[in-house]
Amino acid sequence: RAAADKRPKHDLIKQASKWLADEIERLRKQRFAPLASEAQKIWEQLRCHSNVSLEDIQLAGDGTRRRVEVAVRVDDADAGLGVLSQGEVNALALSMFIPRATRAQSPFRFLIIDDPVQAMDPAKVDGLARVLADLAQSRQVIVLTHDDRLPNAIRRLGLPGRVIELARAESSVVTPHEVASPAVNALSSARAIAADDTLPERLKNRIVPGFCRLALEAALNDLAWATLLSQGRPHDAVEQELESATTLRKRAALALFGDADRAGEVPNRFSRRYGAWAAKAFNACNRGAHDEIPNAHALIDDIQRLIDELGPSRSAA
C-alpha cells in the first residue's frame, strides 16, 4: 500500500530524471556543435586533394562510456576510419584538437603543437601552414618539428613565421639561432664578399653575380610554387615543372605567369612592373659570372629590392 501510494511521485521523479538527462544531452550537443563545425572546416583545409570527406562528428554513448563518432566518406561512399592513411589520421586529430584548444573561454592565448607534419604529404603540409597562419592572427603558435617541410611551406606560401633551430652540443648545451631563407643566405654571402677588402674589385664583380643569381632563383622558386598552386596544380606537377625549368628565365616565367614557355617576356615584365633597373638586375644575374659587372654593391642592393618587390615575405626568414 505504501508503494502504491508513492507511485505517482515515483513516476513524476522518473519523468523529471528523463527530462534532466535529455536536457543535459541537448546542451552537450549544443556546446559540441561549434567544435564539430570548426573541425570540419579545418579538415577541409588540411585534406588538400584527399578524396576523404568528413561528414559528421557526434558525441555518443552515455554515463562514463562516452565516445566521439566520426562519419567519413570516400568518393561519395560511406567508410570507416580504417581507410585513412597515417597522414590523414594526423590531420583529422589536429582538426579535432585545434577547436578545443582555441575555445574563446580558454585563458591561454598560445598553442603548442609537437611534430604535426609526421606522415603528411606536401599538400597537407601546405594546408597545415595556412591553418596555423590563421590561428596566429589571434594567438601565439609554437610548432616543434624535426621536419623542414613546414618551414619551407610557410616561406614559399609567403606566410609570416619565425624559424628557430636548436642545436644541442655536448652536455646537452642547447644553442638557438634563427634560420634564414636561401635567398637571405645567398645575399648575405654576396655582401660578405663585396665587403672583403682583401679581394680585388674585379674579382668581386665576377663572383657576386653568382650569389645574387642564387638569391633571386630561390625567391622565384618560392613564388613559382605559390603561383602554380594557386592555379590548382597538384604538388607533384609543380615539382616536375620546376625541375623542367632549367634556366633562370623559365623559373621567372613560372613565377610571374605560371607558364615556362613565356620566358622571353620576363625582362619586359620586370621593366614594366618595377622599372628598367629591375630588368637590368635580372639580366645581370642571368649572365651570372660570365660577365663582369661594374658595381657589386649596387647589384646586391638591386636584387634585394627586386626580391622585396616580388613579395616582402620572400626575403624573410
C-alpha atoms as a PDB file:
ATOM      1  CA  ARG A   1       0.000   0.000   0.000  1.00  0.00           C
ATOM      2  CA  ALA A   2       2.832   2.410   0.857  1.00  0.00           C
ATOM      3  CA  ALA A   3       4.485   1.728  -2.541  1.00  0.00           C
ATOM      4  CA  ALA A   4       1.176   2.184  -4.354  1.00  0.00           C
ATOM      5  CA  ASP A   5       0.592   5.461  -2.551  1.00  0.00           C
ATOM      6  CA  LYS A   6       4.000   6.767  -3.651  1.00  0.00           C
ATOM      7  CA  ARG A   7       3.835   5.546  -7.254  1.00  0.00           C
ATOM      8  CA  PRO A   8       2.580   8.906  -8.661  1.00  0.00           C
ATOM      9  CA  LYS A   9       5.523  10.668  -7.049  1.00  0.00           C
ATOM     10  CA  HIS A  10       7.870   7.951  -8.330  1.00  0.00           C
ATOM     11  CA  ASP A  11       6.545   8.395 -11.882  1.00  0.00           C
ATOM     12  CA  LEU A  12       6.971  12.159 -11.588  1.00  0.00           C
ATOM     13  CA  ILE A  13      10.581  11.732 -10.430  1.00  0.00           C
ATOM     14  CA  LYS A  14      11.256   9.366 -13.392  1.00  0.00           C
ATOM     15  CA  GLN A  15       9.829  11.968 -15.778  1.00  0.00           C
ATOM     16  CA  ALA A  16      11.976  14.653 -14.164  1.00  0.00           C
ATOM     17  CA  SER A  17      15.042  12.419 -14.363  1.00  0.00           C
ATOM     18  CA  LYS A  18      14.429  11.717 -18.047  1.00  0.00           C
ATOM     19  CA  TRP A  19      13.864  15.415 -18.743  1.00  0.00           C
ATOM     20  CA  LEU A  20      17.112  16.270 -16.969  1.00  0.00           C
ATOM     21  CA  ALA A  21      19.057  13.616 -18.923  1.00  0.00           C
ATOM     22  CA  ASP A  22      17.567  14.803 -22.225  1.00  0.00           C
ATOM     23  CA  GLU A  23      18.344  18.424 -21.368  1.00  0.00           C
ATOM     24  CA  ILE A  24      21.929  17.575 -20.466  1.00  0.00           C
ATOM     25  CA  GLU A  25      22.282  15.739 -23.782  1.00  0.00           C
ATOM     26  CA  ARG A  26      20.772  18.678 -25.665  1.00  0.00           C
ATOM     27  CA  LEU A  27      23.113  21.151 -24.002  1.00  0.00           C
ATOM     28  CA  ARG A  28      26.096  18.873 -24.591  1.00  0.00           C
ATOM     29  CA  LYS A  29      25.298  18.625 -28.296  1.00  0.00           C
ATOM     30  CA  GLN A  30      24.670  22.364 -28.454  1.00  0.00           C
ATOM     31  CA  ARG A  31      28.085  23.052 -26.939  1.00  0.00           C
ATOM     32  CA  PHE A  32      29.762  20.432 -29.125  1.00  0.00           C
ATOM     33  CA  ALA A  33      28.202  21.568 -32.419  1.00  0.00           C
ATOM     34  CA  PRO A  34      30.513  24.612 -32.922  1.00  0.00           C
ATOM     35  CA  LEU A  35      33.547  22.422 -32.206  1.00  0.00           C
ATOM     36  CA  ALA A  36      32.381  19.833 -34.747  1.00  0.00           C
ATOM     37  CA  SER A  37      31.720  22.546 -37.332  1.00  0.00           C
ATOM     38  CA  GLU A  38      35.147  24.106 -36.788  1.00  0.00           C
ATOM     39  CA  ALA A  39      36.798  20.676 -37.007  1.00  0.00           C
ATOM     40  CA  GLN A  40      35.146  20.105 -40.387  1.00  0.00           C
ATOM     41  CA  LYS A  41      36.368  23.493 -41.646  1.00  0.00           C
ATOM     42  CA  ILE A  42      39.930  22.753 -40.551  1.00  0.00           C
ATOM     43  CA  TRP A  43      39.756  19.295 -42.148  1.00  0.00           C
ATOM     44  CA  GLU A  44      38.739  20.884 -45.445  1.00  0.00           C
ATOM     45  CA  GLN A  45      41.920  22.977 -45.331  1.00  0.00           C
ATOM     46  CA  LEU A  46      44.136  20.110 -44.254  1.00  0.00           C
ATOM     47  CA  ARG A  47      42.902  17.347 -46.542  1.00  0.00           C
ATOM     48  CA  CYS A  48      44.118  19.125 -49.730  1.00  0.00           C
ATOM     49  CA  HIS A  49      43.217  16.899 -52.701  1.00  0.00           C
ATOM     50  CA  SER A  50      42.272  13.964 -50.439  1.00  0.00           C
ATOM     51  CA  ASN A  51      39.134  12.095 -51.540  1.00  0.00           C
ATOM     52  CA  VAL A  52      38.158  11.563 -47.887  1.00  0.00           C
ATOM     53  CA  SER A  53      35.426  13.929 -46.666  1.00  0.00           C
ATOM     54  CA  LEU A  54      34.468  14.439 -43.039  1.00  0.00           C
ATOM     55  CA  GLU A  55      30.681  14.258 -42.969  1.00  0.00           C
ATOM     56  CA  ASP A  56      29.793  14.485 -39.290  1.00  0.00           C
ATOM     57  CA  ILE A  57      31.213  14.396 -35.766  1.00  0.00           C
ATOM     58  CA  GLN A  58      28.947  13.494 -32.859  1.00  0.00           C
ATOM     59  CA  LEU A  59      29.161  12.640 -29.184  1.00  0.00           C
ATOM     60  CA  ALA A  60      27.728   9.203 -28.466  1.00  0.00           C
ATOM     61  CA  GLY A  61      27.324   6.849 -25.513  1.00  0.00           C
ATOM     62  CA  ASP A  62      26.128   7.671 -22.039  1.00  0.00           C
ATOM     63  CA  GLY A  63      27.336   7.850 -18.472  1.00  0.00           C
ATOM     64  CA  THR A  64      31.043   7.135 -18.211  1.00  0.00           C
ATOM     65  CA  ARG A  65      31.109   5.442 -21.635  1.00  0.00           C
ATOM     66  CA  ARG A  66      31.293   8.434 -23.886  1.00  0.00           C
ATOM     67  CA  ARG A  67      32.887   8.400 -27.316  1.00  0.00           C
ATOM     68  CA  VAL A  68      33.194  10.532 -30.414  1.00  0.00           C
ATOM     69  CA  GLU A  69      31.729   9.098 -33.590  1.00  0.00           C
ATOM     70  CA  VAL A  70      33.220  10.329 -36.850  1.00  0.00           C
ATOM     71  CA  ALA A  71      31.432   9.734 -40.151  1.00  0.00           C
ATOM     72  CA  VAL A  72      33.660   9.827 -43.219  1.00  0.00           C
ATOM     73  CA  ARG A  73      33.042   9.231 -46.901  1.00  0.00           C
ATOM     74  CA  VAL A  74      35.482   8.194 -49.604  1.00  0.00           C
ATOM     75  CA  ASP A  75      34.482   9.038 -53.169  1.00  0.00           C
ATOM     76  CA  ASP A  76      30.863   9.558 -52.006  1.00  0.00           C
ATOM     77  CA  ALA A  77      30.722   6.147 -50.293  1.00  0.00           C
ATOM     78  CA  ASP A  78      30.402   5.661 -46.533  1.00  0.00           C
ATOM     79  CA  ALA A  79      33.612   4.410 -44.940  1.00  0.00           C
ATOM     80  CA  GLY A  80      35.241   3.891 -41.565  1.00  0.00           C
ATOM     81  CA  LEU A  81      38.336   5.499 -40.084  1.00  0.00           C
ATOM     82  CA  GLY A  82      40.320   2.442 -41.118  1.00  0.00           C
ATOM     83  CA  VAL A  83      40.547   3.741 -44.694  1.00  0.00           C
ATOM     84  CA  LEU A  84      42.536   6.814 -43.609  1.00  0.00           C
ATOM     85  CA  SER A  85      46.277   6.933 -44.195  1.00  0.00           C
ATOM     86  CA  GLN A  86      48.563   7.840 -41.290  1.00  0.00           C
ATOM     87  CA  GLY A  87      48.874  11.382 -42.643  1.00  0.00           C
ATOM     88  CA  GLU A  88      45.086  11.689 -42.837  1.00  0.00           C
ATOM     89  CA  VAL A  89      44.749  10.360 -39.280  1.00  0.00           C
ATOM     90  CA  ASN A  90      47.186  13.034 -38.083  1.00  0.00           C
ATOM     91  CA  ALA A  91      45.279  15.708 -39.981  1.00  0.00           C
ATOM     92  CA  LEU A  92      41.988  14.501 -38.503  1.00  0.00           C
ATOM     93  CA  ALA A  93      43.461  14.530 -34.984  1.00  0.00           C
ATOM     94  CA  LEU A  94      44.609  18.125 -35.495  1.00  0.00           C
ATOM     95  CA  SER A  95      41.190  19.070 -36.873  1.00  0.00           C
ATOM     96  CA  MET A  96      39.566  17.840 -33.677  1.00  0.00           C
ATOM     97  CA  PHE A  97      42.235  19.131 -31.279  1.00  0.00           C
ATOM     98  CA  ILE A  98      42.584  22.708 -32.516  1.00  0.00           C
ATOM     99  CA  PRO A  99      38.946  23.822 -31.956  1.00  0.00           C
ATOM    100  CA  ARG A 100      39.016  22.593 -28.351  1.00  0.00           C
ATOM    101  CA  ALA A 101      42.434  24.130 -27.661  1.00  0.00           C
ATOM    102  CA  THR A 102      41.403  27.523 -29.045  1.00  0.00           C
ATOM    103  CA  ARG A 103      37.975  27.998 -27.457  1.00  0.00           C
ATOM    104  CA  ALA A 104      37.120  31.580 -26.574  1.00  0.00           C
ATOM    105  CA  GLN A 105      36.685  30.564 -22.921  1.00  0.00           C
ATOM    106  CA  SER A 106      40.293  29.363 -22.721  1.00  0.00           C
ATOM    107  CA  PRO A 107      42.561  31.699 -20.716  1.00  0.00           C
ATOM    108  CA  PHE A 108      45.575  30.575 -22.739  1.00  0.00           C
ATOM    109  CA  ARG A 109      46.411  32.714 -25.770  1.00  0.00           C
ATOM    110  CA  PHE A 110      49.004  30.328 -27.162  1.00  0.00           C
ATOM    111  CA  LEU A 111      49.083  26.963 -28.897  1.00  0.00           C
ATOM    112  CA  ILE A 112      51.960  24.463 -28.774  1.00  0.00           C
ATOM    113  CA  ILE A 113      51.970  21.552 -31.228  1.00  0.00           C
ATOM    114  CA  ASP A 114      54.621  18.836 -31.334  1.00  0.00           C
ATOM    115  CA  ASP A 115      55.687  17.450 -34.716  1.00  0.00           C
ATOM    116  CA  PRO A 116      52.331  17.698 -36.532  1.00  0.00           C
ATOM    117  CA  VAL A 117      53.660  17.004 -40.048  1.00  0.00           C
ATOM    118  CA  GLN A 118      54.537  13.348 -39.471  1.00  0.00           C
ATOM    119  CA  ALA A 119      53.441  11.202 -42.437  1.00  0.00           C
ATOM    120  CA  MET A 120      51.710  14.172 -44.103  1.00  0.00           C
ATOM    121  CA  ASP A 121      52.114  14.617 -47.839  1.00  0.00           C
ATOM    122  CA  PRO A 122      53.242  18.046 -49.169  1.00  0.00           C
ATOM    123  CA  ALA A 123      49.691  19.195 -49.929  1.00  0.00           C
ATOM    124  CA  LYS A 124      48.590  18.592 -46.348  1.00  0.00           C
ATOM    125  CA  VAL A 125      51.686  20.377 -45.020  1.00  0.00           C
ATOM    126  CA  ASP A 126      50.681  23.436 -47.062  1.00  0.00           C
ATOM    127  CA  GLY A 127      47.166  23.182 -45.646  1.00  0.00           C
ATOM    128  CA  LEU A 128      48.582  22.954 -42.124  1.00  0.00           C
ATOM    129  CA  ALA A 129      50.718  26.052 -42.735  1.00  0.00           C
ATOM    130  CA  ARG A 130      47.613  28.026 -43.744  1.00  0.00           C
ATOM    131  CA  VAL A 131      45.639  26.766 -40.723  1.00  0.00           C
ATOM    132  CA  LEU A 132      48.444  27.751 -38.348  1.00  0.00           C
ATOM    133  CA  ALA A 133      48.787  31.166 -40.009  1.00  0.00           C
ATOM    134  CA  ASP A 134      45.075  31.799 -39.428  1.00  0.00           C
ATOM    135  CA  LEU A 135      45.412  30.779 -35.770  1.00  0.00           C
ATOM    136  CA  ALA A 136      48.463  33.006 -35.349  1.00  0.00           C
ATOM    137  CA  GLN A 137      46.361  36.092 -36.051  1.00  0.00           C
ATOM    138  CA  SER A 138      44.808  35.824 -32.579  1.00  0.00           C
ATOM    139  CA  ARG A 139      47.344  33.865 -30.523  1.00  0.00           C
ATOM    140  CA  GLN A 140      50.955  32.754 -30.386  1.00  0.00           C
ATOM    141  CA  VAL A 141      51.533  29.478 -32.231  1.00  0.00           C
ATOM    142  CA  ILE A 142      54.628  27.387 -31.462  1.00  0.00           C
ATOM    143  CA  VAL A 143      55.390  24.277 -33.515  1.00  0.00           C
ATOM    144  CA  LEU A 144      58.165  21.828 -32.654  1.00  0.00           C
ATOM    145  CA  THR A 145      59.329  19.691 -35.558  1.00  0.00           C
ATOM    146  CA  HIS A 146      62.290  17.796 -36.980  1.00  0.00           C
ATOM    147  CA  ASP A 147      60.820  18.122 -40.474  1.00  0.00           C
ATOM    148  CA  ASP A 148      61.816  21.112 -42.623  1.00  0.00           C
ATOM    149  CA  ARG A 149      58.764  20.818 -44.904  1.00  0.00           C
ATOM    150  CA  LEU A 150      56.646  23.079 -42.688  1.00  0.00           C
ATOM    151  CA  PRO A 151      59.181  25.972 -42.643  1.00  0.00           C
ATOM    152  CA  ASN A 152      59.583  25.553 -46.408  1.00  0.00           C
ATOM    153  CA  ALA A 153      55.801  25.678 -46.909  1.00  0.00           C
ATOM    154  CA  ILE A 154      55.491  28.798 -44.751  1.00  0.00           C
ATOM    155  CA  ARG A 155      58.226  30.519 -46.754  1.00  0.00           C
ATOM    156  CA  ARG A 156      57.009  29.643 -50.242  1.00  0.00           C
ATOM    157  CA  LEU A 157      53.383  30.490 -49.378  1.00  0.00           C
ATOM    158  CA  GLY A 158      54.520  33.901 -48.172  1.00  0.00           C
ATOM    159  CA  LEU A 159      53.142  33.357 -44.660  1.00  0.00           C
ATOM    160  CA  PRO A 160      54.610  35.176 -41.650  1.00  0.00           C
ATOM    161  CA  GLY A 161      56.717  32.914 -39.483  1.00  0.00           C
ATOM    162  CA  ARG A 162      59.901  32.812 -37.465  1.00  0.00           C
ATOM    163  CA  VAL A 163      62.080  29.705 -37.706  1.00  0.00           C
ATOM    164  CA  ILE A 164      64.494  28.946 -34.867  1.00  0.00           C
ATOM    165  CA  GLU A 165      66.849  25.983 -34.930  1.00  0.00           C
ATOM    166  CA  LEU A 166      68.009  24.415 -31.679  1.00  0.00           C
ATOM    167  CA  ALA A 167      71.468  22.867 -31.768  1.00  0.00           C
ATOM    168  CA  ARG A 168      72.326  20.554 -28.887  1.00  0.00           C
ATOM    169  CA  ALA A 169      76.015  20.219 -28.095  1.00  0.00           C
ATOM    170  CA  GLU A 170      77.938  18.203 -25.522  1.00  0.00           C
ATOM    171  CA  SER A 171      76.367  18.042 -22.041  1.00  0.00           C
ATOM    172  CA  SER A 172      73.027  18.954 -23.659  1.00  0.00           C
ATOM    173  CA  VAL A 173      74.007  22.597 -24.089  1.00  0.00           C
ATOM    174  CA  VAL A 174      71.298  23.989 -26.390  1.00  0.00           C
ATOM    175  CA  THR A 175      72.011  26.938 -28.652  1.00  0.00           C
ATOM    176  CA  PRO A 176      69.151  28.619 -30.587  1.00  0.00           C
ATOM    177  CA  HIS A 177      69.652  30.569 -33.778  1.00  0.00           C
ATOM    178  CA  GLU A 178      67.303  31.950 -36.406  1.00  0.00           C
ATOM    179  CA  VAL A 179      67.183  30.187 -39.751  1.00  0.00           C
ATOM    180  CA  ALA A 180      67.180  32.463 -42.768  1.00  0.00           C
ATOM    181  CA  SER A 181      65.710  31.661 -46.158  1.00  0.00           C
ATOM    182  CA  PRO A 182      68.003  30.526 -49.011  1.00  0.00           C
ATOM    183  CA  ALA A 183      67.609  33.967 -50.588  1.00  0.00           C
ATOM    184  CA  VAL A 184      68.764  35.710 -47.408  1.00  0.00           C
ATOM    185  CA  ASN A 185      71.715  33.334 -47.045  1.00  0.00           C
ATOM    186  CA  ALA A 186      72.860  33.894 -50.631  1.00  0.00           C
ATOM    187  CA  LEU A 187      72.613  37.687 -50.325  1.00  0.00           C
ATOM    188  CA  SER A 188      74.490  37.570 -47.015  1.00  0.00           C
ATOM    189  CA  SER A 189      77.309  35.700 -48.752  1.00  0.00           C
ATOM    190  CA  ALA A 190      77.281  38.255 -51.569  1.00  0.00           C
ATOM    191  CA  ARG A 191      77.541  41.129 -49.076  1.00  0.00           C
ATOM    192  CA  ALA A 192      80.390  39.403 -47.228  1.00  0.00           C
ATOM    193  CA  ILE A 193      82.339  39.044 -50.475  1.00  0.00           C
ATOM    194  CA  ALA A 194      81.627  42.639 -51.522  1.00  0.00           C
ATOM    195  CA  ALA A 195      82.820  43.889 -48.112  1.00  0.00           C
ATOM    196  CA  ASP A 196      86.043  41.835 -48.138  1.00  0.00           C
ATOM    197  CA  ASP A 197      88.890  44.342 -48.531  1.00  0.00           C
ATOM    198  CA  THR A 198      91.375  41.580 -49.327  1.00  0.00           C
ATOM    199  CA  LEU A 199      89.666  40.788 -52.634  1.00  0.00           C
ATOM    200  CA  PRO A 200      90.273  42.858 -55.791  1.00  0.00           C
ATOM    201  CA  GLU A 201      87.218  44.755 -57.038  1.00  0.00           C
ATOM    202  CA  ARG A 202      87.353  42.977 -60.373  1.00  0.00           C
ATOM    203  CA  LEU A 203      87.149  39.593 -58.650  1.00  0.00           C
ATOM    204  CA  LYS A 204      84.226  40.755 -56.502  1.00  0.00           C
ATOM    205  CA  ASN A 205      82.398  41.949 -59.586  1.00  0.00           C
ATOM    206  CA  ARG A 206      82.685  38.469 -61.115  1.00  0.00           C
ATOM    207  CA  ILE A 207      81.785  36.448 -58.002  1.00  0.00           C
ATOM    208  CA  VAL A 208      78.885  38.489 -56.603  1.00  0.00           C
ATOM    209  CA  PRO A 209      76.504  37.979 -59.588  1.00  0.00           C
ATOM    210  CA  GLY A 210      76.557  34.218 -58.972  1.00  0.00           C
ATOM    211  CA  PHE A 211      75.365  34.635 -55.386  1.00  0.00           C
ATOM    212  CA  CYS A 212      72.789  37.210 -56.471  1.00  0.00           C
ATOM    213  CA  ARG A 213      71.505  34.717 -59.013  1.00  0.00           C
ATOM    214  CA  LEU A 214      71.162  32.067 -56.283  1.00  0.00           C
ATOM    215  CA  ALA A 215      69.206  34.524 -54.127  1.00  0.00           C
ATOM    216  CA  LEU A 216      66.884  35.549 -56.954  1.00  0.00           C
ATOM    217  CA  GLU A 217      66.383  31.949 -58.070  1.00  0.00           C
ATOM    218  CA  ALA A 218      65.407  30.917 -54.527  1.00  0.00           C
ATOM    219  CA  ALA A 219      62.879  33.754 -54.311  1.00  0.00           C
ATOM    220  CA  LEU A 220      61.480  32.909 -57.759  1.00  0.00           C
ATOM    221  CA  ASN A 221      61.158  29.227 -56.809  1.00  0.00           C
ATOM    222  CA  ASP A 222      59.055  30.136 -53.780  1.00  0.00           C
ATOM    223  CA  LEU A 223      56.929  32.498 -55.859  1.00  0.00           C
ATOM    224  CA  ALA A 224      56.527  29.874 -58.593  1.00  0.00           C
ATOM    225  CA  TRP A 225      55.218  27.394 -56.010  1.00  0.00           C
ATOM    226  CA  ALA A 226      52.668  29.931 -54.797  1.00  0.00           C
ATOM    227  CA  THR A 227      51.641  30.872 -58.362  1.00  0.00           C
ATOM    228  CA  LEU A 228      51.237  27.308 -59.636  1.00  0.00           C
ATOM    229  CA  LEU A 229      49.458  26.072 -56.509  1.00  0.00           C
ATOM    230  CA  SER A 230      47.028  28.987 -56.754  1.00  0.00           C
ATOM    231  CA  GLN A 231      46.207  27.763 -60.268  1.00  0.00           C
ATOM    232  CA  GLY A 232      45.151  24.432 -58.813  1.00  0.00           C
ATOM    233  CA  ARG A 233      48.198  22.442 -59.883  1.00  0.00           C
ATOM    234  CA  PRO A 234      48.961  19.393 -57.688  1.00  0.00           C
ATOM    235  CA  HIS A 235      52.282  19.353 -55.834  1.00  0.00           C
ATOM    236  CA  ASP A 236      53.866  16.620 -57.922  1.00  0.00           C
ATOM    237  CA  ALA A 237      53.050  18.551 -61.111  1.00  0.00           C
ATOM    238  CA  VAL A 238      54.621  21.710 -59.652  1.00  0.00           C
ATOM    239  CA  GLU A 239      57.792  19.794 -58.765  1.00  0.00           C
ATOM    240  CA  GLN A 240      58.016  18.416 -62.307  1.00  0.00           C
ATOM    241  CA  GLU A 241      57.562  21.855 -63.857  1.00  0.00           C
ATOM    242  CA  LEU A 242      60.251  23.385 -61.653  1.00  0.00           C
ATOM    243  CA  GLU A 243      62.643  20.545 -62.483  1.00  0.00           C
ATOM    244  CA  SER A 244      61.969  21.073 -66.200  1.00  0.00           C
ATOM    245  CA  ALA A 245      62.574  24.831 -65.937  1.00  0.00           C
ATOM    246  CA  THR A 246      66.353  24.614 -66.215  1.00  0.00           C
ATOM    247  CA  THR A 247      67.062  28.325 -66.810  1.00  0.00           C
ATOM    248  CA  LEU A 248      66.534  31.391 -64.643  1.00  0.00           C
ATOM    249  CA  ARG A 249      64.208  32.899 -67.254  1.00  0.00           C
ATOM    250  CA  LYS A 250      61.990  29.811 -67.241  1.00  0.00           C
ATOM    251  CA  ARG A 251      61.855  29.845 -63.428  1.00  0.00           C
ATOM    252  CA  ALA A 252      60.925  33.514 -63.553  1.00  0.00           C
ATOM    253  CA  ALA A 253      58.241  32.810 -66.171  1.00  0.00           C
ATOM    254  CA  LEU A 254      56.716  30.160 -63.910  1.00  0.00           C
ATOM    255  CA  ALA A 255      56.737  32.615 -61.013  1.00  0.00           C
ATOM    256  CA  LEU A 256      55.283  35.551 -62.957  1.00  0.00           C
ATOM    257  CA  PHE A 257      52.951  33.843 -65.444  1.00  0.00           C
ATOM    258  CA  GLY A 258      52.677  30.220 -64.357  1.00  0.00           C
ATOM    259  CA  ASP A 259      53.997  29.283 -67.816  1.00  0.00           C
ATOM    260  CA  ALA A 260      57.666  28.482 -68.544  1.00  0.00           C
ATOM    261  CA  ASP A 261      57.091  28.974 -72.273  1.00  0.00           C
ATOM    262  CA  ARG A 262      56.760  32.739 -71.679  1.00  0.00           C
ATOM    263  CA  ALA A 263      60.410  33.053 -70.637  1.00  0.00           C
ATOM    264  CA  GLY A 264      61.079  35.613 -73.354  1.00  0.00           C
ATOM    265  CA  GLU A 265      58.584  38.036 -71.770  1.00  0.00           C
ATOM    266  CA  VAL A 266      60.293  38.132 -68.375  1.00  0.00           C
ATOM    267  CA  PRO A 267      62.651  41.132 -68.793  1.00  0.00           C
ATOM    268  CA  ASN A 268      59.865  43.298 -70.275  1.00  0.00           C
ATOM    269  CA  ARG A 269      57.537  42.269 -67.440  1.00  0.00           C
ATOM    270  CA  PHE A 270      60.120  43.288 -64.842  1.00  0.00           C
ATOM    271  CA  SER A 271      60.749  46.554 -66.655  1.00  0.00           C
ATOM    272  CA  ARG A 272      57.049  47.458 -66.999  1.00  0.00           C
ATOM    273  CA  ARG A 273      56.091  46.491 -63.457  1.00  0.00           C
ATOM    274  CA  TYR A 274      59.114  47.709 -61.467  1.00  0.00           C
ATOM    275  CA  GLY A 275      61.273  49.788 -63.791  1.00  0.00           C
ATOM    276  CA  ALA A 276      64.285  49.429 -66.059  1.00  0.00           C
ATOM    277  CA  TRP A 277      66.556  48.812 -63.051  1.00  0.00           C
ATOM    278  CA  ALA A 278      64.737  45.531 -62.302  1.00  0.00           C
ATOM    279  CA  ALA A 279      65.221  44.147 -65.820  1.00  0.00           C
ATOM    280  CA  LYS A 280      68.880  45.216 -65.739  1.00  0.00           C
ATOM    281  CA  ALA A 281      69.454  43.489 -62.390  1.00  0.00           C
ATOM    282  CA  PHE A 282      67.684  40.340 -63.605  1.00  0.00           C
ATOM    283  CA  ASN A 283      69.803  40.218 -66.776  1.00  0.00           C
ATOM    284  CA  ALA A 284      72.975  40.667 -64.726  1.00  0.00           C
ATOM    285  CA  CYS A 285      72.020  37.684 -62.565  1.00  0.00           C
ATOM    286  CA  ASN A 286      71.045  35.665 -65.611  1.00  0.00           C
ATOM    287  CA  ARG A 287      74.507  36.113 -67.057  1.00  0.00           C
ATOM    288  CA  GLY A 288      75.958  35.040 -63.688  1.00  0.00           C
ATOM    289  CA  ALA A 289      79.737  35.089 -63.519  1.00  0.00           C
ATOM    290  CA  HIS A 290      80.169  35.057 -67.304  1.00  0.00           C
ATOM    291  CA  ASP A 291      80.368  38.860 -67.444  1.00  0.00           C
ATOM    292  CA  GLU A 292      81.940  41.293 -65.064  1.00  0.00           C
ATOM    293  CA  ILE A 293      79.556  43.851 -63.552  1.00  0.00           C
ATOM    294  CA  PRO A 294      80.561  47.458 -62.851  1.00  0.00           C
ATOM    295  CA  ASN A 295      79.482  47.588 -59.183  1.00  0.00           C
ATOM    296  CA  ALA A 296      78.914  44.589 -56.888  1.00  0.00           C
ATOM    297  CA  HIS A 297      77.314  46.626 -54.082  1.00  0.00           C
ATOM    298  CA  ALA A 298      74.786  48.199 -56.457  1.00  0.00           C
ATOM    299  CA  LEU A 299      73.757  44.790 -57.849  1.00  0.00           C
ATOM    300  CA  ILE A 300      73.232  43.373 -54.348  1.00  0.00           C
ATOM    301  CA  ASP A 301      71.012  46.339 -53.439  1.00  0.00           C
ATOM    302  CA  ASP A 302      69.006  45.986 -56.661  1.00  0.00           C
ATOM    303  CA  ILE A 303      68.482  42.229 -56.179  1.00  0.00           C
ATOM    304  CA  GLN A 304      67.396  42.788 -52.584  1.00  0.00           C
ATOM    305  CA  ARG A 305      64.952  45.415 -53.813  1.00  0.00           C
ATOM    306  CA  LEU A 306      63.658  43.142 -56.587  1.00  0.00           C
ATOM    307  CA  ILE A 307      63.121  40.245 -54.159  1.00  0.00           C
ATOM    308  CA  ASP A 308      61.223  42.597 -51.853  1.00  0.00           C
ATOM    309  CA  GLU A 309      59.107  43.776 -54.781  1.00  0.00           C
ATOM    310  CA  LEU A 310      58.274  40.193 -55.698  1.00  0.00           C
ATOM    311  CA  GLY A 311      56.953  39.840 -52.151  1.00  0.00           C
ATOM    312  CA  PRO A 312      58.393  41.144 -48.878  1.00  0.00           C
ATOM    313  CA  SER A 313      57.964  37.744 -47.245  1.00  0.00           C
ATOM    314  CA  ARG A 314      60.187  36.131 -49.902  1.00  0.00           C
ATOM    315  CA  SER A 315      63.248  37.709 -48.333  1.00  0.00           C
ATOM    316  CA  ALA A 316      62.227  36.985 -44.732  1.00  0.00           C
ATOM    317  CA  ALA A 317      63.392  34.108 -42.602  1.00  0.00           C
END
